[in-house]
Amino acid sequence: MASVELSYYYGYEAEQFSFYRIPKLLFTDSRFAGISTDAKLLYGILLDRMSLSMKNGWHDEQGRVYIIFTLDDVAETLGYKTEKAIKLFNELDTKKGVGLIERVRQGQGRASLIYVKNFAGEKQTSERPKSRPRKNRGQDFG
């Protein structure tokens, strides 16, 4: 078998296969219909950050994983002003929004802890399909 000469990845080239994942339920579940697409994107970014927090052992006394992602971090990552970052957090927050995240203040000058909520297990039973799936259905693309 002939050898193929391929080039190496350098620096940021390795990042080309790194993606943010946004749960499809945020777009298909009626509970999240009122959330902006920007807030859904932010939730996907927060989920990504949560996996990093798990690797770093960032969890509280109850074993819940938390992240630290400031308003400035959001503004820089998404290219928005701080006011827009505040609005997006409020859309997701338990106190002012739909409850996909919970922010816990740590005190003056310290960043809030953010708990990213797992909503998938809370799907309402009334939204489940009422009929059985047909046999030999084609694959659902998307």
Protein backbone atom coordinates (compact mmCIF):
# COMPACT_ATOMS: atom_id res chain seq x y z
CA MET A 1 0.00 0.00 0.00
CA ALA A 2 1.39 3.39 -0.96
CA SER A 3 2.00 5.96 1.74
CA VAL A 4 0.09 9.24 1.55
CA GLU A 5 1.96 12.36 2.52
CA LEU A 6 -0.23 14.53 4.72
CA SER A 7 0.55 17.76 6.51
CA TYR A 8 0.39 18.32 10.27
CA TYR A 9 -1.99 20.52 12.23
CA TYR A 10 -0.37 23.66 13.56
CA GLY A 11 -1.63 25.99 16.28
CA TYR A 12 -5.26 26.97 15.79
CA GLU A 13 -5.77 24.65 12.80
CA ALA A 14 -6.68 21.90 15.28
CA GLU A 15 -9.67 24.02 16.38
CA GLN A 16 -11.40 23.63 13.00
CA PHE A 17 -13.04 20.41 14.23
CA SER A 18 -14.19 21.87 17.53
CA PHE A 19 -17.90 22.73 17.59
CA TYR A 20 -20.52 24.02 19.98
CA ARG A 21 -23.50 21.70 20.32
CA ILE A 22 -26.97 23.12 20.86
CA PRO A 23 -29.66 20.67 21.98
CA LYS A 24 -32.36 20.20 19.35
CA LEU A 25 -35.05 20.34 22.06
CA LEU A 26 -34.36 24.05 22.46
CA PHE A 27 -35.83 24.49 18.98
CA THR A 28 -38.52 21.79 18.99
CA ASP A 29 -39.95 21.90 22.53
CA SER A 30 -42.70 24.49 23.01
CA ARG A 31 -41.37 25.35 26.49
CA PHE A 32 -38.41 27.09 24.83
CA ALA A 33 -40.24 28.80 21.97
CA GLY A 34 -39.91 32.24 23.59
CA ILE A 35 -36.14 32.10 23.94
CA SER A 36 -34.06 33.97 21.38
CA THR A 37 -31.71 32.08 19.11
CA ASP A 38 -28.82 34.01 20.68
CA ALA A 39 -29.79 32.72 24.14
CA LYS A 40 -29.97 29.17 22.77
CA LEU A 41 -26.48 29.62 21.33
CA LEU A 42 -25.26 30.87 24.71
CA TYR A 43 -26.74 27.78 26.37
CA GLY A 44 -24.74 25.59 23.95
CA ILE A 45 -21.58 27.50 24.85
CA LEU A 46 -22.33 27.09 28.56
CA LEU A 47 -22.78 23.33 28.04
CA ASP A 48 -19.38 23.25 26.36
CA ARG A 49 -17.84 25.10 29.30
CA MET A 50 -19.49 22.67 31.70
CA SER A 51 -17.58 19.74 30.22
CA LEU A 52 -14.36 21.66 30.90
CA SER A 53 -15.49 22.30 34.48
CA MET A 54 -16.16 18.57 34.95
CA LYS A 55 -12.64 17.76 33.76
CA ASN A 56 -11.22 20.34 36.17
CA GLY A 57 -13.26 19.03 39.11
CA TRP A 58 -15.34 22.18 39.59
CA HIS A 59 -18.27 20.98 41.67
CA ASP A 60 -19.92 22.08 44.88
CA GLU A 61 -20.49 20.19 48.15
CA GLN A 62 -23.54 18.49 46.63
CA GLY A 63 -21.56 17.26 43.61
CA ARG A 64 -23.23 19.69 41.18
CA VAL A 65 -20.94 20.91 38.41
CA TYR A 66 -20.69 24.67 38.02
CA ILE A 67 -19.01 27.01 35.58
CA ILE A 68 -17.62 30.51 35.81
CA PHE A 69 -18.39 32.50 32.68
CA THR A 70 -18.65 36.23 33.23
CA LEU A 71 -20.64 38.83 31.34
CA ASP A 72 -17.37 40.00 29.80
CA ASP A 73 -16.63 36.42 28.70
CA VAL A 74 -20.04 36.21 27.00
CA ALA A 75 -19.62 39.60 25.35
CA GLU A 76 -16.17 38.69 24.05
CA THR A 77 -17.12 35.18 22.89
CA LEU A 78 -20.27 36.26 21.04
CA GLY A 79 -19.11 39.72 20.00
CA TYR A 80 -21.86 41.53 21.91
CA LYS A 81 -21.92 44.41 24.32
CA THR A 82 -22.31 43.71 28.03
CA GLU A 83 -25.96 44.84 27.97
CA LYS A 84 -26.79 42.14 25.42
CA ALA A 85 -24.93 39.54 27.52
CA ILE A 86 -27.06 40.54 30.54
CA LYS A 87 -30.23 40.12 28.46
CA LEU A 88 -29.17 36.66 27.27
CA PHE A 89 -28.32 35.48 30.79
CA ASN A 90 -31.70 36.79 32.00
CA GLU A 91 -33.50 34.79 29.30
CA LEU A 92 -31.86 31.60 30.55
CA ASP A 93 -31.85 32.28 34.31
CA THR A 94 -34.13 30.65 36.88
CA LYS A 95 -35.13 33.97 38.46
CA LYS A 96 -35.92 36.03 35.35
CA GLY A 97 -36.11 33.54 32.51
CA VAL A 98 -36.94 29.99 31.56
CA GLY A 99 -34.68 28.27 34.11
CA LEU A 100 -31.99 26.67 31.96
CA ILE A 101 -29.28 28.09 34.23
CA GLU A 102 -29.02 29.16 37.85
CA ARG A 103 -26.59 31.90 38.83
CA VAL A 104 -25.33 32.04 42.41
CA ARG A 105 -23.63 35.24 43.51
CA GLN A 106 -20.35 34.79 45.36
CA GLY A 107 -20.00 38.25 46.82
CA GLN A 108 -18.51 41.61 45.95
CA GLY A 109 -15.91 41.41 43.20
CA ARG A 110 -16.25 37.65 42.67
CA ALA A 111 -17.78 36.02 39.61
CA SER A 112 -21.09 34.20 40.01
CA LEU A 113 -21.21 30.43 39.83
CA ILE A 114 -23.42 29.21 37.01
CA TYR A 115 -25.21 25.89 37.22
CA VAL A 116 -26.29 24.69 33.78
CA LYS A 117 -29.56 22.83 34.23
CA ASN A 118 -30.36 19.47 32.66
CA PHE A 119 -33.79 19.98 31.10
CA ALA A 120 -33.99 16.85 28.94
CA GLY A 121 -35.38 14.66 31.74
CA GLU A 122 -38.13 17.19 32.44
CA LYS A 123 -39.89 16.78 29.09
CA GLN A 124 -43.62 16.89 29.60
CA THR A 125 -45.43 13.64 28.91
CA SER A 126 -48.13 15.45 26.94
CA GLU A 127 -45.60 16.19 24.20
CA ARG A 128 -44.73 12.55 23.54
CA PRO A 129 -45.95 11.05 20.27
CA LYS A 130 -49.44 9.62 20.61
CA SER A 131 -49.07 6.98 17.91
CA ARG A 132 -46.56 4.20 17.45
CA PRO A 133 -43.85 4.74 14.85
CA ARG A 134 -44.29 2.98 11.52
CA LYS A 135 -42.01 0.11 10.67
CA ASN A 136 -39.34 0.66 8.01
CA ARG A 137 -39.38 4.44 8.33
CA GLY A 138 -36.61 6.28 6.54
CA GLN A 139 -33.90 7.90 8.58
CA ASP A 140 -34.72 11.33 9.96
CA PHE A 141 -32.15 13.79 8.67
CA GLY A 142 -31.47 16.88 10.72
